[in-house]
Amino acid sequence: MTRGRFITLEGGEGAGKSTQIRLLADALAACGKDVVVTREPGGSKGAEEIRALLVSGETGRWGPVTEALLHTAARRDHLERTVWPALDAGSWVICDRFFDSTMAYQGYGLGLGRDLIGALQTTALGDFRPDLTLILDLPVEAGLARANARRGGEDRYERMDLDFHRRLRDGFLDIAQREPDRCAVIDAAHPVEAVQAAILDAVTRRLGVTIS
């Protein structure tokens, strides 16, 4: 059986990942792919329990290192119980956030730096990486305005200060620049249909799949 492909979507708050993940999953399914949609933190029973600790409550409830460790623990459980079994079964897995978010949020946004986060990722992932990472990019103020319009209970990161979100955006763009073969930056400031077209083009070109 052919192993599936792993696609991750990344970006700051309000970038529109949820909408684009749904559209991409529908497009791949229409091409006959078995698609599994998942998320981080979360995606497995244990990881969802950790998610509840991370995405709600006061912005300062965890120190940066503790946060990074919690995200990494959730990721390992998610991989073992959801992602790797699905890929082995031949499914295409689309994940809302993955290790780049830990690098961007805790490494850049909270100032832990690349070395510490990179060491944690190596411990949790080994040499496993996504086949393609789509980074949805838009100005910080625009993203936060979108996020605030739909604010619910999981808004701990959204409530962090503007400088944090600027470092976060810069972090994602730096990640993309460092790994251009894996990452594709998508301008998320355009209408939904234009963003979808850019994503489908990137998936077609990078992964060699024809999406009608």
N, C-alpha and C. Protein backbone atom coordinates (compact mmCIF):
# COMPACT_ATOMS: atom_id res chain seq x y z
N MET A 1 0.84 -1.20 0.00
CA MET A 1 0.00 0.00 0.00
C MET A 1 0.88 1.25 0.00
N THR A 2 0.51 2.23 -0.82
CA THR A 2 1.26 3.47 -0.88
C THR A 2 0.99 4.30 0.36
N ARG A 3 2.06 4.78 0.97
CA ARG A 3 1.91 5.62 2.16
C ARG A 3 1.24 6.93 1.77
N GLY A 4 0.40 7.46 2.67
CA GLY A 4 -0.28 8.71 2.42
C GLY A 4 0.65 9.91 2.49
N ARG A 5 0.11 11.07 2.28
CA ARG A 5 0.88 12.32 2.34
C ARG A 5 0.37 13.16 3.50
N PHE A 6 1.27 13.96 4.05
CA PHE A 6 0.98 14.75 5.24
C PHE A 6 1.11 16.23 4.90
N ILE A 7 0.00 16.95 4.99
CA ILE A 7 -0.05 18.38 4.68
C ILE A 7 -0.42 19.13 5.95
N THR A 8 0.34 20.16 6.28
CA THR A 8 0.02 20.99 7.45
C THR A 8 -0.28 22.41 7.00
N LEU A 9 -1.22 23.04 7.70
CA LEU A 9 -1.53 24.46 7.47
C LEU A 9 -1.16 25.23 8.71
N GLU A 10 -0.43 26.33 8.50
CA GLU A 10 0.08 27.14 9.59
C GLU A 10 -0.28 28.61 9.36
N GLY A 11 -0.08 29.41 10.38
CA GLY A 11 -0.33 30.83 10.25
C GLY A 11 -0.77 31.43 11.57
N GLY A 12 -0.80 32.75 11.61
CA GLY A 12 -1.21 33.45 12.81
C GLY A 12 -2.70 33.37 13.04
N GLU A 13 -3.15 34.03 14.10
CA GLU A 13 -4.57 34.02 14.43
C GLU A 13 -5.38 34.69 13.32
N GLY A 14 -6.52 34.08 12.98
CA GLY A 14 -7.41 34.67 11.99
C GLY A 14 -6.98 34.50 10.55
N ALA A 15 -6.06 33.59 10.29
CA ALA A 15 -5.55 33.43 8.92
C ALA A 15 -6.50 32.68 8.00
N GLY A 16 -7.52 32.04 8.56
CA GLY A 16 -8.49 31.33 7.73
C GLY A 16 -8.17 29.87 7.50
N LYS A 17 -7.37 29.28 8.38
CA LYS A 17 -6.96 27.89 8.18
C LYS A 17 -8.14 26.92 8.15
N SER A 18 -9.08 27.08 9.06
CA SER A 18 -10.19 26.14 9.16
C SER A 18 -10.98 26.06 7.86
N THR A 19 -11.29 27.22 7.28
CA THR A 19 -12.02 27.24 6.02
C THR A 19 -11.24 26.57 4.91
N GLN A 20 -9.95 26.90 4.81
CA GLN A 20 -9.14 26.34 3.74
C GLN A 20 -8.88 24.85 3.91
N ILE A 21 -8.78 24.38 5.12
CA ILE A 21 -8.62 22.95 5.36
C ILE A 21 -9.86 22.20 4.87
N ARG A 22 -11.03 22.72 5.16
CA ARG A 22 -12.27 22.07 4.71
C ARG A 22 -12.33 22.02 3.18
N LEU A 23 -11.97 23.13 2.54
CA LEU A 23 -12.01 23.17 1.07
C LEU A 23 -10.97 22.23 0.46
N LEU A 24 -9.79 22.17 1.04
CA LEU A 24 -8.75 21.29 0.52
C LEU A 24 -9.14 19.83 0.71
N ALA A 25 -9.68 19.51 1.87
CA ALA A 25 -10.11 18.13 2.13
C ALA A 25 -11.18 17.71 1.12
N ASP A 26 -12.12 18.60 0.84
CA ASP A 26 -13.18 18.29 -0.13
C ASP A 26 -12.59 18.06 -1.53
N ALA A 27 -11.62 18.89 -1.90
CA ALA A 27 -11.01 18.78 -3.23
C ALA A 27 -10.24 17.47 -3.37
N LEU A 28 -9.50 17.09 -2.34
CA LEU A 28 -8.75 15.85 -2.39
C LEU A 28 -9.68 14.63 -2.38
N ALA A 29 -10.73 14.71 -1.59
CA ALA A 29 -11.69 13.60 -1.56
C ALA A 29 -12.35 13.42 -2.92
N ALA A 30 -12.62 14.54 -3.60
CA ALA A 30 -13.23 14.46 -4.93
C ALA A 30 -12.31 13.80 -5.94
N CYS A 31 -11.01 13.79 -5.64
CA CYS A 31 -10.03 13.13 -6.51
C CYS A 31 -9.80 11.67 -6.11
N GLY A 32 -10.58 11.20 -5.18
CA GLY A 32 -10.47 9.81 -4.78
C GLY A 32 -9.52 9.53 -3.63
N LYS A 33 -9.02 10.59 -2.99
CA LYS A 33 -8.13 10.38 -1.85
C LYS A 33 -8.93 10.15 -0.58
N ASP A 34 -8.45 9.22 0.24
CA ASP A 34 -9.00 9.08 1.58
C ASP A 34 -8.33 10.15 2.45
N VAL A 35 -9.12 11.04 3.04
CA VAL A 35 -8.58 12.20 3.73
C VAL A 35 -8.93 12.16 5.21
N VAL A 36 -7.92 12.40 6.04
CA VAL A 36 -8.12 12.53 7.48
C VAL A 36 -7.76 13.97 7.85
N VAL A 37 -8.69 14.66 8.50
CA VAL A 37 -8.46 16.03 8.96
C VAL A 37 -8.27 16.00 10.47
N THR A 38 -7.21 16.64 10.94
CA THR A 38 -6.92 16.64 12.37
C THR A 38 -6.37 18.00 12.77
N ARG A 39 -5.98 18.16 14.01
CA ARG A 39 -5.53 19.47 14.48
C ARG A 39 -4.54 19.34 15.62
N GLU A 40 -3.82 20.45 15.85
CA GLU A 40 -2.95 20.54 17.01
C GLU A 40 -3.13 21.89 17.69
N PRO A 41 -2.95 21.97 19.02
CA PRO A 41 -2.86 20.79 19.87
C PRO A 41 -4.17 20.02 19.84
N GLY A 42 -4.07 18.71 19.89
CA GLY A 42 -5.25 17.86 19.84
C GLY A 42 -5.06 16.74 18.85
N GLY A 43 -6.18 16.21 18.37
CA GLY A 43 -6.13 15.18 17.36
C GLY A 43 -6.10 13.76 17.88
N SER A 44 -5.99 13.59 19.19
CA SER A 44 -6.09 12.29 19.85
C SER A 44 -6.67 12.57 21.23
N LYS A 45 -7.16 11.53 21.89
CA LYS A 45 -7.83 11.76 23.18
C LYS A 45 -6.91 12.46 24.18
N GLY A 46 -5.70 11.94 24.34
CA GLY A 46 -4.79 12.55 25.29
C GLY A 46 -4.39 13.96 24.89
N ALA A 47 -4.14 14.16 23.59
CA ALA A 47 -3.73 15.48 23.12
C ALA A 47 -4.85 16.50 23.26
N GLU A 48 -6.10 16.07 23.09
CA GLU A 48 -7.23 16.99 23.28
C GLU A 48 -7.33 17.43 24.74
N GLU A 49 -7.00 16.53 25.65
CA GLU A 49 -7.01 16.91 27.06
C GLU A 49 -5.93 17.95 27.36
N ILE A 50 -4.77 17.80 26.72
CA ILE A 50 -3.72 18.80 26.89
C ILE A 50 -4.13 20.11 26.23
N ARG A 51 -4.82 20.03 25.08
CA ARG A 51 -5.28 21.24 24.40
C ARG A 51 -6.09 22.13 25.34
N ALA A 52 -6.97 21.51 26.11
CA ALA A 52 -7.82 22.28 27.01
C ALA A 52 -7.00 23.10 28.01
N LEU A 53 -5.80 22.62 28.33
CA LEU A 53 -4.93 23.35 29.25
C LEU A 53 -4.23 24.52 28.57
N LEU A 54 -4.08 24.46 27.25
CA LEU A 54 -3.25 25.43 26.53
C LEU A 54 -4.01 26.59 25.92
N VAL A 55 -5.24 26.36 25.48
CA VAL A 55 -5.90 27.37 24.65
C VAL A 55 -6.91 28.22 25.41
N SER A 56 -7.05 28.00 26.70
CA SER A 56 -7.98 28.80 27.49
C SER A 56 -7.30 29.27 28.76
N GLY A 57 -7.97 30.16 29.47
CA GLY A 57 -7.42 30.68 30.71
C GLY A 57 -6.61 31.95 30.50
N GLU A 58 -5.93 32.39 31.53
CA GLU A 58 -5.15 33.62 31.48
C GLU A 58 -3.94 33.46 30.55
N THR A 59 -3.55 34.55 29.92
CA THR A 59 -2.45 34.47 28.95
C THR A 59 -1.15 34.02 29.61
N GLY A 60 -0.95 34.35 30.86
CA GLY A 60 0.30 34.00 31.53
C GLY A 60 0.22 32.77 32.41
N ARG A 61 -0.75 31.90 32.15
CA ARG A 61 -0.94 30.76 33.05
C ARG A 61 0.21 29.76 33.00
N TRP A 62 0.96 29.73 31.88
CA TRP A 62 2.12 28.83 31.74
C TRP A 62 3.36 29.64 31.41
N GLY A 63 4.50 29.18 31.91
CA GLY A 63 5.76 29.74 31.43
C GLY A 63 6.05 29.21 30.03
N PRO A 64 6.89 29.90 29.26
CA PRO A 64 7.17 29.48 27.89
C PRO A 64 7.69 28.05 27.76
N VAL A 65 8.60 27.64 28.65
CA VAL A 65 9.15 26.29 28.56
C VAL A 65 8.06 25.25 28.85
N THR A 66 7.26 25.50 29.86
CA THR A 66 6.16 24.59 30.18
C THR A 66 5.22 24.46 28.99
N GLU A 67 4.88 25.58 28.38
CA GLU A 67 4.01 25.55 27.19
C GLU A 67 4.60 24.68 26.09
N ALA A 68 5.88 24.89 25.81
CA ALA A 68 6.53 24.12 24.75
C ALA A 68 6.51 22.63 25.06
N LEU A 69 6.73 22.27 26.33
CA LEU A 69 6.72 20.86 26.73
C LEU A 69 5.31 20.27 26.58
N LEU A 70 4.29 21.03 26.95
CA LEU A 70 2.92 20.55 26.82
C LEU A 70 2.56 20.32 25.35
N HIS A 71 2.91 21.28 24.50
CA HIS A 71 2.64 21.12 23.07
C HIS A 71 3.37 19.89 22.50
N THR A 72 4.59 19.70 22.94
CA THR A 72 5.38 18.58 22.41
C THR A 72 4.82 17.24 22.88
N ALA A 73 4.40 17.17 24.14
CA ALA A 73 3.78 15.94 24.64
C ALA A 73 2.50 15.62 23.87
N ALA A 74 1.67 16.64 23.64
CA ALA A 74 0.44 16.43 22.87
C ALA A 74 0.76 15.97 21.46
N ARG A 75 1.80 16.54 20.86
CA ARG A 75 2.17 16.18 19.48
C ARG A 75 2.60 14.72 19.39
N ARG A 76 3.39 14.27 20.32
CA ARG A 76 3.84 12.87 20.25
C ARG A 76 2.66 11.91 20.32
N ASP A 77 1.72 12.19 21.23
CA ASP A 77 0.55 11.33 21.34
C ASP A 77 -0.28 11.38 20.06
N HIS A 78 -0.43 12.55 19.50
CA HIS A 78 -1.17 12.74 18.25
C HIS A 78 -0.55 11.94 17.12
N LEU A 79 0.76 12.00 17.01
CA LEU A 79 1.45 11.26 15.96
C LEU A 79 1.26 9.75 16.12
N GLU A 80 1.47 9.26 17.34
CA GLU A 80 1.41 7.82 17.57
C GLU A 80 0.00 7.26 17.36
N ARG A 81 -1.01 8.02 17.73
CA ARG A 81 -2.36 7.48 17.75
C ARG A 81 -3.20 7.87 16.53
N THR A 82 -2.81 8.93 15.84
CA THR A 82 -3.65 9.41 14.73
C THR A 82 -2.88 9.53 13.42
N VAL A 83 -1.83 10.34 13.41
CA VAL A 83 -1.18 10.69 12.15
C VAL A 83 -0.46 9.52 11.52
N TRP A 84 0.44 8.89 12.24
CA TRP A 84 1.22 7.80 11.66
C TRP A 84 0.34 6.61 11.23
N PRO A 85 -0.64 6.19 12.05
CA PRO A 85 -1.50 5.10 11.57
C PRO A 85 -2.27 5.46 10.29
N ALA A 86 -2.74 6.70 10.19
CA ALA A 86 -3.48 7.11 8.99
C ALA A 86 -2.57 7.12 7.77
N LEU A 87 -1.37 7.63 7.90
CA LEU A 87 -0.44 7.65 6.77
C LEU A 87 -0.08 6.22 6.35
N ASP A 88 0.14 5.36 7.32
CA ASP A 88 0.47 3.96 7.01
C ASP A 88 -0.67 3.26 6.28
N ALA A 89 -1.91 3.71 6.54
CA ALA A 89 -3.08 3.13 5.89
C ALA A 89 -3.33 3.73 4.51
N GLY A 90 -2.49 4.68 4.09
CA GLY A 90 -2.61 5.27 2.77
C GLY A 90 -3.43 6.54 2.71
N SER A 91 -3.88 7.05 3.85
CA SER A 91 -4.69 8.27 3.86
C SER A 91 -3.82 9.52 3.71
N TRP A 92 -4.42 10.55 3.15
CA TRP A 92 -3.81 11.87 3.14
C TRP A 92 -4.28 12.59 4.39
N VAL A 93 -3.34 13.06 5.19
CA VAL A 93 -3.66 13.71 6.46
C VAL A 93 -3.43 15.21 6.32
N ILE A 94 -4.46 15.98 6.66
CA ILE A 94 -4.37 17.45 6.68
C ILE A 94 -4.48 17.88 8.13
N CYS A 95 -3.48 18.61 8.60
CA CYS A 95 -3.42 18.99 10.01
C CYS A 95 -3.45 20.50 10.18
N ASP A 96 -4.35 20.97 11.01
CA ASP A 96 -4.44 22.38 11.39
C ASP A 96 -3.39 22.63 12.48
N ARG A 97 -2.24 23.13 12.07
CA ARG A 97 -1.05 23.39 12.89
C ARG A 97 -0.27 22.10 13.14
N PHE A 98 1.06 22.30 13.26
CA PHE A 98 1.96 21.20 13.61
C PHE A 98 3.18 21.81 14.27
N PHE A 99 4.37 21.24 14.06
CA PHE A 99 5.51 21.68 14.86
C PHE A 99 5.95 23.11 14.54
N ASP A 100 5.64 23.62 13.34
CA ASP A 100 6.01 25.00 13.04
C ASP A 100 5.31 25.99 13.96
N SER A 101 4.11 25.63 14.43
CA SER A 101 3.42 26.53 15.36
C SER A 101 4.16 26.61 16.69
N THR A 102 4.70 25.49 17.16
CA THR A 102 5.48 25.54 18.40
C THR A 102 6.73 26.39 18.21
N MET A 103 7.39 26.23 17.06
CA MET A 103 8.55 27.06 16.79
C MET A 103 8.17 28.54 16.73
N ALA A 104 7.07 28.84 16.05
CA ALA A 104 6.67 30.24 15.88
C ALA A 104 6.14 30.84 17.18
N TYR A 105 5.24 30.12 17.85
CA TYR A 105 4.60 30.68 19.04
C TYR A 105 5.55 30.72 20.24
N GLN A 106 6.15 29.58 20.55
CA GLN A 106 7.02 29.55 21.72
C GLN A 106 8.46 29.95 21.39
N GLY A 107 8.95 29.55 20.23
CA GLY A 107 10.32 29.88 19.86
C GLY A 107 10.52 31.34 19.54
N TYR A 108 9.69 31.86 18.65
CA TYR A 108 9.80 33.27 18.24
C TYR A 108 8.93 34.17 19.12
N GLY A 109 7.63 33.84 19.23
CA GLY A 109 6.71 34.72 19.94
C GLY A 109 7.04 34.89 21.41
N LEU A 110 7.35 33.78 22.08
CA LEU A 110 7.66 33.83 23.51
C LEU A 110 9.15 33.85 23.81
N GLY A 111 9.97 33.85 22.76
CA GLY A 111 11.39 34.10 22.93
C GLY A 111 12.26 32.94 23.37
N LEU A 112 11.79 31.70 23.23
CA LEU A 112 12.63 30.56 23.63
C LEU A 112 13.75 30.29 22.64
N GLY A 113 13.60 30.74 21.41
CA GLY A 113 14.64 30.55 20.42
C GLY A 113 14.52 29.23 19.68
N ARG A 114 15.25 29.12 18.58
CA ARG A 114 15.15 27.96 17.71
C ARG A 114 15.80 26.71 18.28
N ASP A 115 16.88 26.87 19.04
CA ASP A 115 17.64 25.70 19.48
C ASP A 115 16.84 24.83 20.44
N LEU A 116 16.22 25.44 21.44
CA LEU A 116 15.46 24.67 22.41
C LEU A 116 14.26 23.98 21.74
N ILE A 117 13.53 24.74 20.94
CA ILE A 117 12.36 24.15 20.28
C ILE A 117 12.80 23.06 19.31
N GLY A 118 13.90 23.29 18.60
CA GLY A 118 14.39 22.28 17.68
C GLY A 118 14.76 20.99 18.39
N ALA A 119 15.35 21.10 19.57
CA ALA A 119 15.71 19.91 20.33
C ALA A 119 14.47 19.14 20.77
N LEU A 120 13.44 19.86 21.20
CA LEU A 120 12.19 19.21 21.59
C LEU A 120 11.56 18.50 20.39
N GLN A 121 11.60 19.15 19.24
CA GLN A 121 10.99 18.56 18.06
C GLN A 121 11.73 17.29 17.64
N THR A 122 13.04 17.30 17.73
CA THR A 122 13.82 16.11 17.38
C THR A 122 13.46 14.95 18.30
N THR A 123 13.28 15.25 19.58
CA THR A 123 12.91 14.21 20.53
C THR A 123 11.54 13.62 20.20
N ALA A 124 10.59 14.46 19.84
CA ALA A 124 9.23 14.00 19.60
C ALA A 124 9.03 13.40 18.22
N LEU A 125 9.73 13.94 17.21
CA LEU A 125 9.45 13.58 15.82
C LEU A 125 10.53 12.74 15.16
N GLY A 126 11.74 12.75 15.69
CA GLY A 126 12.85 12.16 14.95
C GLY A 126 13.05 12.94 13.66
N ASP A 127 13.12 12.24 12.52
CA ASP A 127 13.31 12.94 11.25
C ASP A 127 12.00 13.09 10.48
N PHE A 128 10.86 12.83 11.11
CA PHE A 128 9.56 12.96 10.44
C PHE A 128 9.23 14.43 10.19
N ARG A 129 8.79 14.72 8.98
CA ARG A 129 8.39 16.08 8.61
C ARG A 129 7.17 16.01 7.69
N PRO A 130 6.38 17.10 7.61
CA PRO A 130 5.28 17.13 6.64
C PRO A 130 5.81 17.05 5.21
N ASP A 131 5.00 16.53 4.31
CA ASP A 131 5.33 16.56 2.89
C ASP A 131 5.19 17.97 2.33
N LEU A 132 4.26 18.73 2.89
CA LEU A 132 4.03 20.11 2.45
C LEU A 132 3.44 20.90 3.60
N THR A 133 3.97 22.10 3.82
CA THR A 133 3.44 23.01 4.82
C THR A 133 2.99 24.28 4.12
N LEU A 134 1.73 24.62 4.28
CA LEU A 134 1.14 25.83 3.70
C LEU A 134 1.02 26.87 4.81
N ILE A 135 1.74 27.98 4.67
CA ILE A 135 1.72 29.03 5.68
C ILE A 135 0.84 30.16 5.19
N LEU A 136 -0.31 30.33 5.83
CA LEU A 136 -1.25 31.39 5.45
C LEU A 136 -0.82 32.68 6.14
N ASP A 137 -0.48 33.66 5.34
CA ASP A 137 0.09 34.90 5.86
C ASP A 137 -0.81 36.09 5.58
N LEU A 138 -0.99 36.94 6.58
CA LEU A 138 -1.67 38.21 6.38
C LEU A 138 -1.24 39.16 7.50
N PRO A 139 -1.43 40.47 7.31
CA PRO A 139 -1.02 41.42 8.34
C PRO A 139 -1.64 41.10 9.69
N VAL A 140 -0.88 41.35 10.74
CA VAL A 140 -1.30 40.99 12.09
C VAL A 140 -2.64 41.62 12.45
N GLU A 141 -2.78 42.91 12.18
CA GLU A 141 -4.01 43.60 12.57
C GLU A 141 -5.23 43.00 11.89
N ALA A 142 -5.08 42.64 10.63
CA ALA A 142 -6.20 42.04 9.89
C ALA A 142 -6.55 40.67 10.47
N GLY A 143 -5.56 39.89 10.79
CA GLY A 143 -5.81 38.57 11.36
C GLY A 143 -6.49 38.66 12.72
N LEU A 144 -6.03 39.57 13.57
CA LEU A 144 -6.64 39.70 14.89
C LEU A 144 -8.07 40.21 14.79
N ALA A 145 -8.34 41.10 13.81
CA ALA A 145 -9.71 41.58 13.62
C ALA A 145 -10.63 40.42 13.25
N ARG A 146 -10.16 39.54 12.37
CA ARG A 146 -10.95 38.36 12.00
C ARG A 146 -11.16 37.46 13.22
N ALA A 147 -10.08 37.24 13.97
CA ALA A 147 -10.16 36.34 15.13
C ALA A 147 -11.11 36.90 16.18
N ASN A 148 -11.07 38.20 16.39
CA ASN A 148 -11.93 38.82 17.40
C ASN A 148 -13.40 38.72 17.01
N ALA A 149 -13.67 38.71 15.71
CA ALA A 149 -15.06 38.63 15.25
C ALA A 149 -15.69 37.28 15.56
N ARG A 150 -14.86 36.24 15.71
CA ARG A 150 -15.38 34.90 15.99
C ARG A 150 -14.93 34.39 17.35
N ARG A 151 -14.49 35.30 18.21
CA ARG A 151 -13.88 34.89 19.49
C ARG A 151 -14.80 33.98 20.29
N GLY A 152 -14.22 32.89 20.74
CA GLY A 152 -14.95 31.94 21.58
C GLY A 152 -14.14 31.67 22.83
N GLY A 153 -14.25 30.45 23.36
CA GLY A 153 -13.56 30.14 24.60
C GLY A 153 -12.09 29.84 24.43
N GLU A 154 -11.67 29.44 23.20
CA GLU A 154 -10.28 29.06 22.98
C GLU A 154 -9.51 30.24 22.40
N ASP A 155 -9.35 31.28 23.19
CA ASP A 155 -8.77 32.51 22.66
C ASP A 155 -7.58 33.00 23.46
N ARG A 156 -6.94 32.11 24.19
CA ARG A 156 -5.82 32.54 25.04
C ARG A 156 -4.71 33.19 24.23
N TYR A 157 -4.33 32.58 23.12
CA TYR A 157 -3.24 33.15 22.32
C TYR A 157 -3.68 34.43 21.61
N GLU A 158 -4.93 34.47 21.20
CA GLU A 158 -5.43 35.68 20.54
C GLU A 158 -5.32 36.90 21.45
N ARG A 159 -5.44 36.68 22.76
CA ARG A 159 -5.42 37.80 23.71
C ARG A 159 -4.01 38.25 24.08
N MET A 160 -3.00 37.63 23.55
CA MET A 160 -1.64 38.09 23.82
C MET A 160 -1.37 39.39 23.07
N ASP A 161 -0.35 40.13 23.51
CA ASP A 161 -0.18 41.50 23.01
C ASP A 161 0.26 41.54 21.55
N LEU A 162 0.16 42.74 20.97
CA LEU A 162 0.41 42.93 19.55
C LEU A 162 1.85 42.58 19.17
N ASP A 163 2.80 42.91 20.02
CA ASP A 163 4.20 42.59 19.71
C ASP A 163 4.41 41.08 19.61
N PHE A 164 3.73 40.32 20.46
CA PHE A 164 3.81 38.86 20.37
C PHE A 164 3.35 38.41 18.99
N HIS A 165 2.23 38.94 18.53
CA HIS A 165 1.69 38.51 17.24
C HIS A 165 2.57 38.95 16.07
N ARG A 166 3.26 40.06 16.23
CA ARG A 166 4.20 40.48 15.18
C ARG A 166 5.41 39.56 15.14
N ARG A 167 5.92 39.18 16.30
CA ARG A 167 7.03 38.21 16.33
C ARG A 167 6.58 36.87 15.76
N LEU A 168 5.34 36.52 16.04
CA LEU A 168 4.78 35.27 15.53
C LEU A 168 4.77 35.26 14.00
N ARG A 169 4.26 36.33 13.40
CA ARG A 169 4.23 36.40 11.93
C ARG A 169 5.64 36.35 11.36
N ASP A 170 6.54 37.13 11.95
CA ASP A 170 7.93 37.12 11.47
C ASP A 170 8.52 35.71 11.59
N GLY A 171 8.15 34.99 12.66
CA GLY A 171 8.65 33.64 12.84
C GLY A 171 8.20 32.70 11.74
N PHE A 172 6.93 32.73 11.41
CA PHE A 172 6.43 31.87 10.33
C PHE A 172 7.13 32.18 9.01
N LEU A 173 7.33 33.46 8.72
CA LEU A 173 7.97 33.82 7.46
C LEU A 173 9.44 33.40 7.45
N ASP A 174 10.09 33.47 8.61
CA ASP A 174 11.48 33.02 8.69
C ASP A 174 11.57 31.50 8.50
N ILE A 175 10.63 30.77 9.09
CA ILE A 175 10.59 29.31 8.89
C ILE A 175 10.46 28.98 7.41
N ALA A 176 9.57 29.69 6.72
CA ALA A 176 9.36 29.44 5.29
C ALA A 176 10.62 29.74 4.48
N GLN A 177 11.31 30.79 4.86
CA GLN A 177 12.54 31.15 4.15
C GLN A 177 13.63 30.13 4.37
N ARG A 178 13.69 29.55 5.56
CA ARG A 178 14.71 28.55 5.87
C ARG A 178 14.43 27.21 5.19
N GLU A 179 13.14 26.89 4.95
CA GLU A 179 12.78 25.59 4.39
C GLU A 179 11.86 25.76 3.18
N PRO A 180 12.35 26.36 2.11
CA PRO A 180 11.48 26.61 0.95
C PRO A 180 11.01 25.37 0.23
N ASP A 181 11.73 24.26 0.34
CA ASP A 181 11.30 23.04 -0.32
C ASP A 181 10.06 22.43 0.35
N ARG A 182 9.92 22.66 1.63
CA ARG A 182 8.77 22.12 2.37
C ARG A 182 7.63 23.12 2.49
N CYS A 183 7.95 24.39 2.59
CA CYS A 183 6.95 25.41 2.92
C CYS A 183 6.55 26.24 1.71
N ALA A 184 5.27 26.58 1.65
CA ALA A 184 4.76 27.52 0.65
C ALA A 184 3.97 28.59 1.37
N VAL A 185 4.33 29.85 1.15
CA VAL A 185 3.61 30.96 1.78
C VAL A 185 2.43 31.34 0.89
N ILE A 186 1.25 31.41 1.49
CA ILE A 186 0.02 31.75 0.78
C ILE A 186 -0.49 33.08 1.31
N ASP A 187 -0.75 34.03 0.41
CA ASP A 187 -1.29 35.33 0.81
C ASP A 187 -2.74 35.15 1.22
N ALA A 188 -3.00 35.21 2.52
CA ALA A 188 -4.34 34.96 3.05
C ALA A 188 -5.19 36.21 3.13
N ALA A 189 -4.68 37.34 2.64
CA ALA A 189 -5.45 38.57 2.66
C ALA A 189 -6.47 38.63 1.53
N HIS A 190 -6.35 37.73 0.55
CA HIS A 190 -7.26 37.71 -0.59
C HIS A 190 -8.57 37.02 -0.22
N PRO A 191 -9.59 37.14 -1.08
CA PRO A 191 -10.85 36.42 -0.82
C PRO A 191 -10.63 34.91 -0.73
N VAL A 192 -11.58 34.24 -0.11
CA VAL A 192 -11.48 32.80 0.14
C VAL A 192 -11.19 32.02 -1.13
N GLU A 193 -11.86 32.36 -2.22
CA GLU A 193 -11.70 31.62 -3.46
C GLU A 193 -10.29 31.75 -4.02
N ALA A 194 -9.70 32.94 -3.91
CA ALA A 194 -8.35 33.16 -4.41
C ALA A 194 -7.33 32.41 -3.55
N VAL A 195 -7.54 32.40 -2.25
CA VAL A 195 -6.65 31.66 -1.35
C VAL A 195 -6.74 30.16 -1.65
N GLN A 196 -7.96 29.68 -1.86
CA GLN A 196 -8.14 28.27 -2.20
C GLN A 196 -7.40 27.92 -3.48
N ALA A 197 -7.50 28.77 -4.49
CA ALA A 197 -6.83 28.50 -5.76
C ALA A 197 -5.32 28.42 -5.58
N ALA A 198 -4.78 29.31 -4.77
CA ALA A 198 -3.33 29.30 -4.52
C ALA A 198 -2.91 28.03 -3.79
N ILE A 199 -3.73 27.58 -2.86
CA ILE A 199 -3.43 26.35 -2.12
C ILE A 199 -3.47 25.14 -3.05
N LEU A 200 -4.51 25.04 -3.86
CA LEU A 200 -4.63 23.91 -4.78
C LEU A 200 -3.48 23.89 -5.78
N ASP A 201 -3.04 25.06 -6.20
CA ASP A 201 -1.90 25.14 -7.12
C ASP A 201 -0.64 24.63 -6.44
N ALA A 202 -0.43 25.04 -5.18
CA ALA A 202 0.76 24.58 -4.44
C ALA A 202 0.74 23.07 -4.23
N VAL A 203 -0.41 22.53 -3.88
CA VAL A 203 -0.52 21.09 -3.66
C VAL A 203 -0.27 20.34 -4.96
N THR A 204 -0.82 20.84 -6.06
CA THR A 204 -0.64 20.19 -7.36
C THR A 204 0.83 20.18 -7.75
N ARG A 205 1.48 21.33 -7.63
CA ARG A 205 2.87 21.45 -8.07
C ARG A 205 3.82 20.70 -7.15
N ARG A 206 3.61 20.80 -5.86
CA ARG A 206 4.57 20.24 -4.90
C ARG A 206 4.41 18.74 -4.71
N LEU A 207 3.16 18.24 -4.78
CA LEU A 207 2.92 16.84 -4.45
C LEU A 207 2.53 16.01 -5.65
N GLY A 208 2.42 16.64 -6.80
CA GLY A 208 2.19 15.89 -8.04
C GLY A 208 0.83 15.25 -8.15
N VAL A 209 -0.15 15.82 -7.46
CA VAL A 209 -1.51 15.29 -7.54
C VAL A 209 -2.34 16.22 -8.41
N THR A 210 -3.19 15.66 -9.26
CA THR A 210 -4.05 16.46 -10.12
C THR A 210 -5.39 16.67 -9.42
N ILE A 211 -5.72 17.93 -9.15
CA ILE A 211 -6.97 18.26 -8.47
C ILE A 211 -7.88 18.96 -9.46
N SER A 212 -9.00 18.35 -9.77
CA SER A 212 -9.92 18.93 -10.75
C SER A 212 -10.84 19.94 -10.11
